[in-house]
């Protein structure tokens, strides 16, 4: 079995995107590093070898970054959302 160049790093980027989704559900602040690292990995893998998994990893990471940033903006503009009474 031959492995194509960049396949492992693409799987790692996709996995980081999925991990970012799970961490987004628990703590939004922790998900952003997962998504950014996954985006870097999938970008590198797409440069080497364009596969469906790499493209899906790129999409998941980009959407995850968008949702994380929007959620952080909403939370910082409305500090009363942090209050637990």
Foldseek 3Di string as FASTA:
>chain_A
DDDFPLPVLLVQLQVLLVVLVVVCVPPLVVSLVSLVSSCVSLVVSCVRPDDPSSVVSNVSSVVSNVVSVVVVVVCVVDVVVVDDD
